[in-house]
Amino acid sequence: MTVTGSAPSDTAGSTSAPDVDRAIAAAAASAWARTSASDRIHALNAVADALTANTDELVEIAVTETHLGDARLRGEIQRTAFQLRLFGAVLAEGSYLDARIDHADPGWPMGAPRPDLRRMLQPLGPVLVFAASNFPFAFSVAGGDTASALAAGCPVIVKAHPGHPALSVRTAEVVVGALADVGAPVDAFALIIGDEAGRQALTDPRVKAAAFTGSIRGGRTLFDLANGRREPIPFYGELGSVNPVFVTQSAAAIRPADIAAGLVTSFTLGAGQFCTKPGVVFLPGHGALLDALGHADLPPAATLLNPRIESHYREVLEQLSTHEQVEILTSGAVDTAPAPTVLRTTVDALLSDPETLLTECFGPTVLLVTYRTDADMLAAAEILDGQLTATVHGEPDDAVVPDLMAVLTTKAGRLLWNQWPTGVSVTHAQQHGGPYPATTAPTTTSVGTAAINRFLRPVAYQGFPVELLPTALDDANTLGIPRRIDGQLRLGDS
């Protein structure tokens, strides 16, 4: 089953091997990479408008398949449309091309004449996007990976997530319809369904990059496939993170109620199914903060996204809660659905068994790790694997904070001060990525406008007549974009 220019007759089956091949062939031959920035802006805005116009229908399907609430899903569609429009603004501004012109210089001081060299970023080629389950709009069919790849000029093939198949098909139909309505190449987008279809596409030599959001186990399998190809390709995988939080002794003493309330809200948001959920919190072993968390009012149990996620959540929770050095501090009312749970251990226990106790528990559970001294916090920070985020709740004059920040900068892609990590703003300065296993490509982000750089590669032109060069590299700066000319950055002039 494939969604390209026409809709399928049902949503139950997987995409056949011939249909996957046809989708990839169409993407490889698509004129999308050769469309102008203005045409891509028009197309991205059209998709955003179409998603917004179909909000009621899409939310109705999503509620049924994901168990997420109406308000949450409507907000997510708004975010998805905003992402598409924001990448349109990136195209209009033009600095994403990183255009550079070095004119010929016979007196270049390296000891030999400099030739005329002109360099810019170009689309990589067809991109395979593995949709995520926990954000059925913002990280799925028309989500951030799709938006950034399309903005870069790369045709996109989306492998639907099995957690919301009907929603995936309907969203793909909306995308294809919007592209067709504005005369954009509809072969710039396709949806495929099924694990085998995803593996076939990932190993096809015409696919030039892939993006993934999901588990370490699944992501690592795909990462190895991408790197095991005859022509390895970039694989931008977001795999897992416990998003540690460090609460200094002074912060715990000064504002225990606020920190406790913020933590409960953050680790239970979306039933704990955010990749930025704070999963491990370091705090003093005695005091008002620990007491507040032990008596916190926890939200009711909630159904998780799908049976596979719930099964894995219960498995990891059982592993953590039955650990000989872990206790259940408090838990929500027992129900058929998973209840929020607060676990407690010590920093000594964590240091003796980090592999077990730092396992991501994707769901409404948090592990509190009590410490005695600032040195304990620093020792724990040193053993962390790569993380999407790391948070410090402290006071400006806390002596430990500079040293803690220095360690956490090497561990995480985003550091937060007296805030909570579950809000990921879509903006120009956002960084959503980190050292492995948080991601497979720590120099990139999957959220924010810098995400477009994942799907571009530099090409330099040496000695060509100006009339043969891409417009972005002409002498007149017809596009009016920022460029570096003979080493000097110029904003919109020639």
Protein backbone atom coordinates (compact mmCIF):
# COMPACT_ATOMS: atom_id res chain seq x y z
CA MET A 1 0.00 0.00 0.00
CA THR A 2 1.29 3.43 -0.92
CA VAL A 3 -0.16 6.91 -0.73
CA THR A 4 1.22 9.13 -3.45
CA GLY A 5 -0.96 10.83 -6.01
CA SER A 6 -3.98 8.66 -5.24
CA ALA A 7 -5.53 7.23 -2.09
CA PRO A 8 -5.53 3.51 -1.19
CA SER A 9 -8.76 1.59 -0.87
CA ASP A 10 -8.10 0.46 2.71
CA THR A 11 -5.72 1.05 5.64
CA ALA A 12 -5.05 -2.50 6.82
CA GLY A 13 -2.37 -3.89 4.51
CA SER A 14 1.34 -3.32 4.15
CA THR A 15 2.89 -1.71 1.12
CA SER A 16 4.03 -4.32 -1.41
CA ALA A 17 7.63 -4.48 -2.56
CA PRO A 18 6.74 -3.30 -6.10
CA ASP A 19 4.81 -0.35 -4.68
CA VAL A 20 7.73 0.62 -2.45
CA ASP A 21 10.00 0.47 -5.48
CA ARG A 22 7.63 2.67 -7.48
CA ALA A 23 7.45 5.23 -4.67
CA ILE A 24 11.24 5.41 -4.43
CA ALA A 25 11.63 5.61 -8.20
CA ALA A 26 9.14 8.47 -8.32
CA ALA A 27 10.95 10.29 -5.51
CA ALA A 28 14.32 9.84 -7.18
CA ALA A 29 12.97 11.28 -10.44
CA SER A 30 10.94 14.04 -8.81
CA ALA A 31 11.37 17.64 -9.89
CA TRP A 32 11.00 18.75 -6.25
CA ALA A 33 14.73 19.40 -5.79
CA ARG A 34 14.68 21.73 -8.77
CA THR A 35 11.72 23.81 -7.61
CA SER A 36 12.39 27.36 -6.54
CA ALA A 37 12.37 28.42 -2.91
CA SER A 38 9.22 30.43 -3.54
CA ASP A 39 7.44 27.37 -4.96
CA ARG A 40 8.48 25.27 -1.97
CA ILE A 41 7.27 27.99 0.39
CA HIS A 42 3.90 27.98 -1.39
CA ALA A 43 3.68 24.20 -1.12
CA LEU A 44 4.64 24.06 2.57
CA ASN A 45 2.10 26.74 3.41
CA ALA A 46 -0.55 24.85 1.44
CA VAL A 47 0.09 21.68 3.43
CA ALA A 48 -0.12 23.67 6.67
CA ASP A 49 -3.41 25.22 5.58
CA ALA A 50 -4.82 21.83 4.58
CA LEU A 51 -3.93 20.24 7.92
CA THR A 52 -5.57 23.12 9.75
CA ALA A 53 -8.68 22.92 7.57
CA ASN A 54 -9.02 19.19 8.28
CA THR A 55 -8.36 19.45 12.02
CA ASP A 56 -11.74 18.11 13.18
CA GLU A 57 -11.54 14.98 11.05
CA LEU A 58 -7.90 14.28 11.84
CA VAL A 59 -8.38 14.75 15.58
CA GLU A 60 -11.37 12.41 15.59
CA ILE A 61 -9.25 9.65 14.02
CA ALA A 62 -6.30 10.37 16.31
CA VAL A 63 -8.36 10.20 19.50
CA THR A 64 -9.53 6.72 18.54
CA GLU A 65 -6.09 5.38 17.65
CA THR A 66 -3.80 7.05 20.21
CA HIS A 67 -5.92 7.59 23.36
CA LEU A 68 -4.65 11.18 23.49
CA GLY A 69 -7.03 13.99 24.36
CA ASP A 70 -8.80 16.38 22.00
CA ALA A 71 -7.08 19.52 23.31
CA ARG A 72 -3.61 17.95 23.15
CA LEU A 73 -4.15 16.79 19.56
CA ARG A 74 -5.51 20.13 18.38
CA GLY A 75 -2.48 21.84 19.86
CA GLU A 76 -0.26 19.37 18.08
CA ILE A 77 -1.84 20.11 14.70
CA GLN A 78 -1.26 23.80 15.37
CA ARG A 79 2.40 23.05 16.09
CA THR A 80 2.69 20.90 12.95
CA ALA A 81 1.27 23.64 10.75
CA PHE A 82 3.55 26.18 12.43
CA GLN A 83 6.62 24.02 11.71
CA LEU A 84 5.77 23.89 8.02
CA ARG A 85 5.28 27.65 7.80
CA LEU A 86 8.44 28.35 9.80
CA PHE A 87 10.53 26.35 7.33
CA GLY A 88 8.93 28.43 4.61
CA ALA A 89 10.29 31.51 6.36
CA VAL A 90 13.73 29.88 6.47
CA LEU A 91 13.61 29.41 2.70
CA ALA A 92 12.60 33.02 2.18
CA GLU A 93 15.48 34.34 4.30
CA GLY A 94 18.03 32.18 2.47
CA SER A 95 20.97 31.89 4.89
CA TYR A 96 20.33 28.13 5.16
CA LEU A 97 22.10 27.77 1.78
CA ASP A 98 25.38 28.99 3.34
CA ALA A 99 26.30 30.55 -0.02
CA ARG A 100 29.98 31.51 -0.32
CA ILE A 101 31.80 33.17 -3.20
CA ASP A 102 35.57 33.51 -3.44
CA HIS A 103 36.53 35.43 -6.58
CA ALA A 104 39.71 34.54 -8.40
CA ASP A 105 42.76 36.12 -6.73
CA PRO A 106 46.16 35.83 -8.44
CA GLY A 107 47.87 37.20 -5.31
CA TRP A 108 46.30 34.79 -2.82
CA PRO A 109 48.89 34.56 0.01
CA MET A 110 48.93 30.75 0.28
CA GLY A 111 51.60 30.84 -2.41
CA ALA A 112 49.47 30.03 -5.44
CA PRO A 113 46.66 31.89 -7.24
CA ARG A 114 43.14 31.33 -5.93
CA PRO A 115 40.62 30.12 -8.51
CA ASP A 116 37.06 31.35 -8.62
CA LEU A 117 35.21 29.13 -6.11
CA ARG A 118 31.53 29.25 -5.26
CA ARG A 119 29.93 26.97 -2.67
CA MET A 120 26.41 26.34 -1.42
CA LEU A 121 24.29 23.62 0.14
CA GLN A 122 22.22 21.36 -2.10
CA PRO A 123 19.50 18.75 -1.36
CA LEU A 124 20.78 15.27 -0.46
CA GLY A 125 18.07 13.40 -2.37
CA PRO A 126 15.12 11.23 -1.32
CA VAL A 127 14.70 11.01 2.46
CA LEU A 128 13.04 8.18 4.39
CA VAL A 129 11.18 9.29 7.53
CA PHE A 130 10.17 6.77 10.19
CA ALA A 131 7.13 8.29 11.88
CA ALA A 132 6.89 8.32 15.69
CA SER A 133 4.02 7.14 17.85
CA ASN A 134 3.97 9.62 20.73
CA PHE A 135 3.35 12.72 18.59
CA PRO A 136 0.93 11.52 15.89
CA PHE A 137 1.09 14.86 14.08
CA ALA A 138 4.24 16.78 15.08
CA PHE A 139 6.65 13.81 14.73
CA SER A 140 4.67 11.70 12.30
CA VAL A 141 3.57 11.83 8.67
CA ALA A 142 3.66 15.62 8.22
CA GLY A 143 5.87 16.33 11.21
CA GLY A 144 9.20 18.04 11.69
CA ASP A 145 11.35 15.55 9.78
CA THR A 146 9.03 15.70 6.78
CA ALA A 147 8.83 19.49 6.92
CA SER A 148 12.59 20.01 7.17
CA ALA A 149 13.37 17.52 4.40
CA LEU A 150 10.80 18.98 2.03
CA ALA A 151 12.07 22.47 2.80
CA ALA A 152 15.60 21.33 1.93
CA GLY A 153 14.34 20.20 -1.47
CA CYS A 154 14.34 16.48 -0.70
CA PRO A 155 11.43 14.24 -1.70
CA VAL A 156 10.10 12.36 1.33
CA ILE A 157 8.96 8.77 1.81
CA VAL A 158 7.28 8.29 5.20
CA LYS A 159 7.11 4.88 6.84
CA ALA A 160 3.87 5.01 8.86
CA HIS A 161 3.90 4.11 12.54
CA PRO A 162 1.70 1.07 13.30
CA GLY A 163 0.24 2.86 16.32
CA HIS A 164 -1.97 5.10 14.17
CA PRO A 165 -2.36 3.59 10.67
CA ALA A 166 -5.70 5.17 9.70
CA LEU A 167 -4.50 8.59 10.81
CA SER A 168 -1.29 8.14 8.84
CA VAL A 169 -3.15 7.34 5.64
CA ARG A 170 -5.59 10.21 6.03
CA THR A 171 -2.82 12.68 6.87
CA ALA A 172 -0.88 11.53 3.80
CA GLU A 173 -3.95 12.08 1.64
CA VAL A 174 -4.22 15.63 2.99
CA VAL A 175 -0.55 16.27 2.19
CA VAL A 176 -0.77 14.88 -1.32
CA GLY A 177 -3.98 16.79 -1.99
CA ALA A 178 -2.43 20.05 -0.84
CA LEU A 179 0.61 19.55 -3.08
CA ALA A 180 -1.61 18.78 -6.05
CA ASP A 181 -3.82 21.81 -5.43
CA VAL A 182 -0.88 24.21 -5.79
CA GLY A 183 0.70 22.38 -8.72
CA ALA A 184 3.65 21.00 -6.73
CA PRO A 185 5.13 17.64 -7.74
CA VAL A 186 3.04 15.05 -5.88
CA ASP A 187 5.86 12.54 -6.27
CA ALA A 188 7.72 14.62 -3.67
CA PHE A 189 5.79 12.72 -0.99
CA ALA A 190 4.75 9.11 -0.40
CA LEU A 191 3.57 6.98 2.51
CA ILE A 192 4.53 3.35 2.92
CA ILE A 193 3.24 0.90 5.53
CA GLY A 194 4.88 -2.07 7.25
CA ASP A 195 8.25 -2.96 8.75
CA GLU A 196 9.41 -4.83 5.68
CA ALA A 197 8.53 -1.86 3.49
CA GLY A 198 10.61 0.34 5.78
CA ARG A 199 13.61 -1.98 5.60
CA GLN A 200 13.32 -2.18 1.82
CA ALA A 201 13.30 1.59 1.51
CA LEU A 202 16.16 2.07 3.97
CA THR A 203 18.43 -0.25 2.00
CA ASP A 204 17.49 1.08 -1.43
CA PRO A 205 20.46 2.94 -2.97
CA ARG A 206 18.18 5.72 -4.24
CA VAL A 207 17.34 6.77 -0.67
CA LYS A 208 20.02 9.18 0.56
CA ALA A 209 19.14 9.82 4.23
CA ALA A 210 16.76 8.63 6.94
CA ALA A 211 15.24 10.08 10.10
CA PHE A 212 13.81 8.14 13.03
CA THR A 213 12.24 8.76 16.43
CA GLY A 214 11.70 5.78 18.71
CA SER A 215 13.41 3.21 20.90
CA ILE A 216 17.10 2.43 21.25
CA ARG A 217 16.55 -1.16 20.14
CA GLY A 218 14.59 -0.33 17.00
CA GLY A 219 16.64 2.72 16.15
CA ARG A 220 19.96 0.93 16.52
CA THR A 221 18.77 -1.86 14.21
CA LEU A 222 17.89 0.68 11.52
CA PHE A 223 21.07 2.68 12.13
CA ASP A 224 23.14 -0.46 11.53
CA LEU A 225 21.21 -1.17 8.32
CA ALA A 226 21.83 2.36 7.08
CA ASN A 227 25.54 2.10 7.81
CA GLY A 228 25.82 -1.43 6.44
CA ARG A 229 24.71 -0.44 2.95
CA ARG A 230 27.20 -0.46 0.10
CA GLU A 231 26.73 3.31 0.18
CA PRO A 232 26.18 4.21 3.86
CA ILE A 233 23.79 7.09 4.39
CA PRO A 234 23.16 9.58 7.20
CA PHE A 235 20.72 8.15 9.75
CA TYR A 236 19.31 10.75 12.09
CA GLY A 237 17.91 8.66 14.92
CA GLU A 238 16.48 9.88 18.21
CA LEU A 239 16.67 6.80 20.40
CA GLY A 240 16.31 7.35 24.13
CA SER A 241 17.00 9.62 27.10
CA VAL A 242 16.32 9.73 30.84
CA ASN A 243 16.70 13.54 30.88
CA PRO A 244 18.33 13.87 34.30
CA VAL A 245 17.37 16.64 36.70
CA PHE A 246 19.77 17.90 39.39
CA VAL A 247 18.31 19.79 42.35
CA THR A 248 20.88 21.58 44.47
CA GLN A 249 20.63 21.61 48.24
CA SER A 250 19.74 25.28 48.37
CA ALA A 251 17.02 25.00 45.71
CA ALA A 252 15.50 22.02 47.51
CA ALA A 253 15.42 24.00 50.75
CA ILE A 254 14.11 27.28 49.31
CA ARG A 255 11.31 26.11 46.99
CA PRO A 256 10.43 22.47 47.64
CA ALA A 257 6.71 22.80 46.87
CA ASP A 258 7.25 24.49 43.51
CA ILE A 259 9.87 21.95 42.41
CA ALA A 260 7.73 19.00 43.51
CA ALA A 261 4.66 20.32 41.70
CA GLY A 262 6.64 21.05 38.55
CA LEU A 263 8.21 17.61 38.53
CA VAL A 264 4.86 15.83 38.92
CA THR A 265 3.38 17.85 36.06
CA SER A 266 6.38 17.19 33.84
CA PHE A 267 6.89 13.45 34.36
CA THR A 268 3.17 12.68 34.00
CA LEU A 269 2.54 14.97 31.01
CA GLY A 270 1.08 12.89 28.21
CA ALA A 271 1.20 9.89 30.58
CA GLY A 272 4.98 10.19 30.62
CA GLN A 273 5.27 9.46 26.90
CA PHE A 274 7.49 12.38 25.96
CA CYS A 275 11.05 11.76 24.83
CA THR A 276 12.04 14.69 27.09
CA LYS A 277 10.28 13.37 30.21
CA PRO A 278 12.44 13.84 33.34
CA GLY A 279 13.11 10.21 34.23
CA VAL A 280 15.84 10.53 36.89
CA VAL A 281 16.01 13.27 39.52
CA PHE A 282 18.92 13.86 41.89
CA LEU A 283 17.92 15.54 45.17
CA PRO A 284 19.05 15.74 48.81
CA GLY A 285 18.33 12.65 50.89
CA HIS A 286 16.45 14.56 53.58
CA GLY A 287 14.21 17.60 53.64
CA ALA A 288 10.99 19.17 52.49
CA LEU A 289 11.38 18.31 48.78
CA LEU A 290 11.59 14.57 49.36
CA ASP A 291 8.65 14.80 51.77
CA ALA A 292 6.60 16.79 49.25
CA LEU A 293 7.20 14.21 46.55
CA GLY A 294 6.33 11.38 48.91
CA HIS A 295 2.93 12.99 49.55
CA ALA A 296 2.32 14.43 46.08
CA ASP A 297 -1.11 14.25 44.49
CA LEU A 298 -0.57 12.19 41.37
CA PRO A 299 -2.90 12.31 38.36
CA PRO A 300 -5.08 9.29 37.60
CA ALA A 301 -3.93 6.33 35.55
CA ALA A 302 -4.07 6.79 31.79
CA THR A 303 -4.10 4.44 28.84
CA LEU A 304 -0.82 4.52 26.96
CA LEU A 305 -0.47 5.00 23.22
CA ASN A 306 -0.57 1.36 22.21
CA PRO A 307 -0.22 -2.14 23.70
CA ARG A 308 3.44 -2.47 22.68
CA ILE A 309 4.43 0.70 24.53
CA GLU A 310 2.42 -0.31 27.58
CA SER A 311 3.94 -3.79 27.66
CA HIS A 312 7.47 -2.40 27.49
CA TYR A 313 6.66 0.22 30.13
CA ARG A 314 5.37 -2.40 32.56
CA GLU A 315 8.44 -4.56 31.91
CA VAL A 316 10.89 -1.73 32.71
CA LEU A 317 8.84 -0.56 35.70
CA GLU A 318 8.90 -4.08 37.11
CA GLN A 319 12.66 -4.24 36.59
CA LEU A 320 13.18 -0.95 38.41
CA SER A 321 10.66 -1.33 41.22
CA THR A 322 11.87 -4.81 42.18
CA HIS A 323 15.53 -3.81 42.23
CA GLU A 324 16.92 -4.59 45.68
CA GLN A 325 18.01 -0.99 46.21
CA VAL A 326 14.87 0.71 44.89
CA GLU A 327 11.63 1.41 46.76
CA ILE A 328 8.27 2.70 45.61
CA LEU A 329 7.93 6.09 47.32
CA THR A 330 4.39 6.70 46.10
CA SER A 331 2.07 5.53 43.35
CA GLY A 332 -1.32 6.48 41.96
CA ALA A 333 -4.43 4.44 42.41
CA VAL A 334 -4.19 0.94 40.99
CA ASP A 335 -6.15 0.65 37.77
CA THR A 336 -6.14 -1.34 34.58
CA ALA A 337 -4.14 1.51 33.04
CA PRO A 338 -0.62 2.41 34.24
CA ALA A 339 -0.64 4.68 37.29
CA PRO A 340 2.01 7.37 37.90
CA THR A 341 4.77 6.00 40.10
CA VAL A 342 7.60 7.66 42.04
CA LEU A 343 10.56 5.40 42.80
CA ARG A 344 13.45 6.12 45.15
CA THR A 345 17.06 4.95 45.38
CA THR A 346 20.42 6.36 46.44
CA VAL A 347 23.34 7.74 44.51
CA ASP A 348 25.51 4.88 45.81
CA ALA A 349 23.07 2.35 44.36
CA LEU A 350 23.01 4.19 41.06
CA LEU A 351 26.78 4.31 40.84
CA SER A 352 26.99 0.58 41.52
CA ASP A 353 24.39 -0.38 38.89
CA PRO A 354 23.95 2.45 36.36
CA GLU A 355 23.06 0.17 33.45
CA THR A 356 19.87 -0.95 35.22
CA LEU A 357 18.88 2.18 37.08
CA LEU A 358 19.45 4.58 34.18
CA THR A 359 17.18 2.62 31.84
CA GLU A 360 14.55 4.79 30.17
CA CYS A 361 11.07 3.97 31.50
CA PHE A 362 8.81 5.38 28.80
CA GLY A 363 5.65 6.17 30.74
CA PRO A 364 4.52 7.88 33.98
CA THR A 365 7.41 6.88 36.25
CA VAL A 366 10.28 8.87 37.75
CA LEU A 367 13.26 7.62 39.75
CA LEU A 368 14.44 9.86 42.61
CA VAL A 369 18.12 9.47 43.46
CA THR A 370 19.10 10.88 46.84
CA TYR A 371 22.58 12.29 47.43
CA ARG A 372 24.56 13.48 50.44
CA THR A 373 27.06 15.96 49.00
CA ASP A 374 27.67 18.03 45.89
CA ALA A 375 30.45 15.61 45.02
CA ASP A 376 27.82 12.87 44.78
CA MET A 377 25.94 14.86 42.13
CA LEU A 378 29.07 15.43 40.11
CA ALA A 379 29.99 11.75 40.29
CA ALA A 380 26.53 10.78 39.03
CA ALA A 381 26.69 13.33 36.21
CA GLU A 382 30.02 11.91 35.06
CA ILE A 383 28.62 8.40 34.44
CA LEU A 384 25.61 9.51 32.38
CA ASP A 385 25.24 8.41 28.78
CA GLY A 386 24.23 10.91 26.12
CA GLN A 387 20.96 12.74 26.82
CA LEU A 388 18.54 14.97 24.98
CA THR A 389 18.29 17.27 27.99
CA ALA A 390 19.78 17.88 31.41
CA THR A 391 18.18 20.19 33.96
CA VAL A 392 19.56 22.07 36.94
CA HIS A 393 17.32 23.48 39.65
CA GLY A 394 19.54 25.73 41.70
CA GLU A 395 20.43 29.20 42.90
CA PRO A 396 22.84 31.52 41.06
CA ASP A 397 25.39 31.38 43.90
CA ASP A 398 25.45 27.58 44.21
CA ALA A 399 29.15 26.71 44.11
CA VAL A 400 28.51 23.35 42.43
CA VAL A 401 26.61 24.71 39.44
CA PRO A 402 29.55 25.76 37.19
CA ASP A 403 31.23 22.37 37.59
CA LEU A 404 27.90 20.58 37.08
CA MET A 405 27.20 22.57 33.93
CA ALA A 406 30.66 21.79 32.58
CA VAL A 407 29.96 18.06 32.89
CA LEU A 408 26.39 18.23 31.60
CA THR A 409 27.45 20.18 28.52
CA THR A 410 29.36 17.07 27.44
CA LYS A 411 26.35 14.84 28.09
CA ALA A 412 23.27 16.61 26.73
CA GLY A 413 22.08 18.66 23.77
CA ARG A 414 19.93 21.08 25.79
CA LEU A 415 20.57 22.34 29.32
CA LEU A 416 17.76 23.90 31.34
CA TRP A 417 17.91 26.18 34.37
CA ASN A 418 14.97 26.12 36.82
CA GLN A 419 12.57 24.88 34.12
CA TRP A 420 11.28 21.50 32.93
CA PRO A 421 12.34 19.75 29.73
CA THR A 422 8.99 18.51 28.42
CA GLY A 423 8.32 21.71 26.48
CA VAL A 424 10.30 21.70 23.21
CA SER A 425 9.80 25.03 21.49
CA VAL A 426 9.99 25.07 17.69
CA THR A 427 12.34 27.97 17.11
CA HIS A 428 15.60 28.98 15.49
CA ALA A 429 17.87 28.30 18.50
CA GLN A 430 16.36 24.96 19.56
CA GLN A 431 18.58 21.90 19.92
CA HIS A 432 16.80 18.53 20.10
CA GLY A 433 19.55 15.97 19.98
CA GLY A 434 22.50 14.81 22.01
CA PRO A 435 25.35 12.31 22.26
CA TYR A 436 24.56 8.65 21.71
CA PRO A 437 22.26 6.97 22.69
CA ALA A 438 20.07 10.07 22.80
CA THR A 439 20.70 10.39 19.07
CA THR A 440 22.89 8.84 16.40
CA ALA A 441 23.98 12.25 15.09
CA PRO A 442 24.82 14.59 17.99
CA THR A 443 25.85 17.48 15.73
CA THR A 444 22.27 17.86 14.44
CA THR A 445 18.79 18.67 15.73
CA SER A 446 15.38 17.29 14.79
CA VAL A 447 13.45 20.30 16.16
CA GLY A 448 13.95 23.91 15.13
CA THR A 449 15.04 25.50 11.89
CA ALA A 450 18.58 24.07 12.05
CA ALA A 451 16.97 20.68 11.30
CA ILE A 452 17.05 21.57 7.60
CA ASN A 453 20.86 21.16 7.61
CA ARG A 454 20.52 17.38 8.03
CA PHE A 455 19.25 17.04 4.48
CA LEU A 456 21.71 19.30 2.67
CA ARG A 457 25.28 18.79 1.48
CA PRO A 458 27.85 21.30 0.20
CA VAL A 459 28.81 21.55 -3.45
CA ALA A 460 31.58 23.85 -4.71
CA TYR A 461 31.78 25.13 -8.30
CA GLN A 462 35.24 26.08 -9.54
CA GLY A 463 35.81 28.26 -12.59
CA PHE A 464 32.31 28.04 -14.08
CA PRO A 465 30.80 30.87 -16.13
CA VAL A 466 28.34 32.74 -13.95
CA GLU A 467 25.45 32.00 -16.33
CA LEU A 468 25.86 28.26 -15.63
CA LEU A 469 25.82 28.60 -11.84
CA PRO A 470 22.84 28.26 -9.48
CA THR A 471 21.10 31.58 -8.99
CA ALA A 472 22.19 31.70 -5.34
CA LEU A 473 25.81 32.03 -6.54
CA ASP A 474 25.43 34.70 -9.19
CA ASP A 475 27.28 38.02 -8.93
CA ALA A 476 24.15 40.16 -8.67
CA ASN A 477 22.61 38.27 -5.73
CA THR A 478 19.33 38.07 -7.59
CA LEU A 479 17.75 36.26 -4.63
CA GLY A 480 18.81 38.90 -2.11
CA ILE A 481 20.08 36.34 0.40
CA PRO A 482 22.91 36.54 2.94
CA ARG A 483 26.22 35.37 1.43
CA ARG A 484 29.90 35.35 2.32
CA ILE A 485 31.82 37.17 -0.42
CA ASP A 486 35.61 36.93 -0.37
CA GLY A 487 35.42 36.15 3.33
CA GLN A 488 33.05 38.95 4.26
CA LEU A 489 29.45 38.26 5.31
CA ARG A 490 27.01 40.38 3.34
CA LEU A 491 23.34 40.53 4.18
CA GLY A 492 21.21 40.63 1.08
CA ASP A 493 23.52 42.68 -1.15
CA SER A 494 25.77 41.58 -3.97
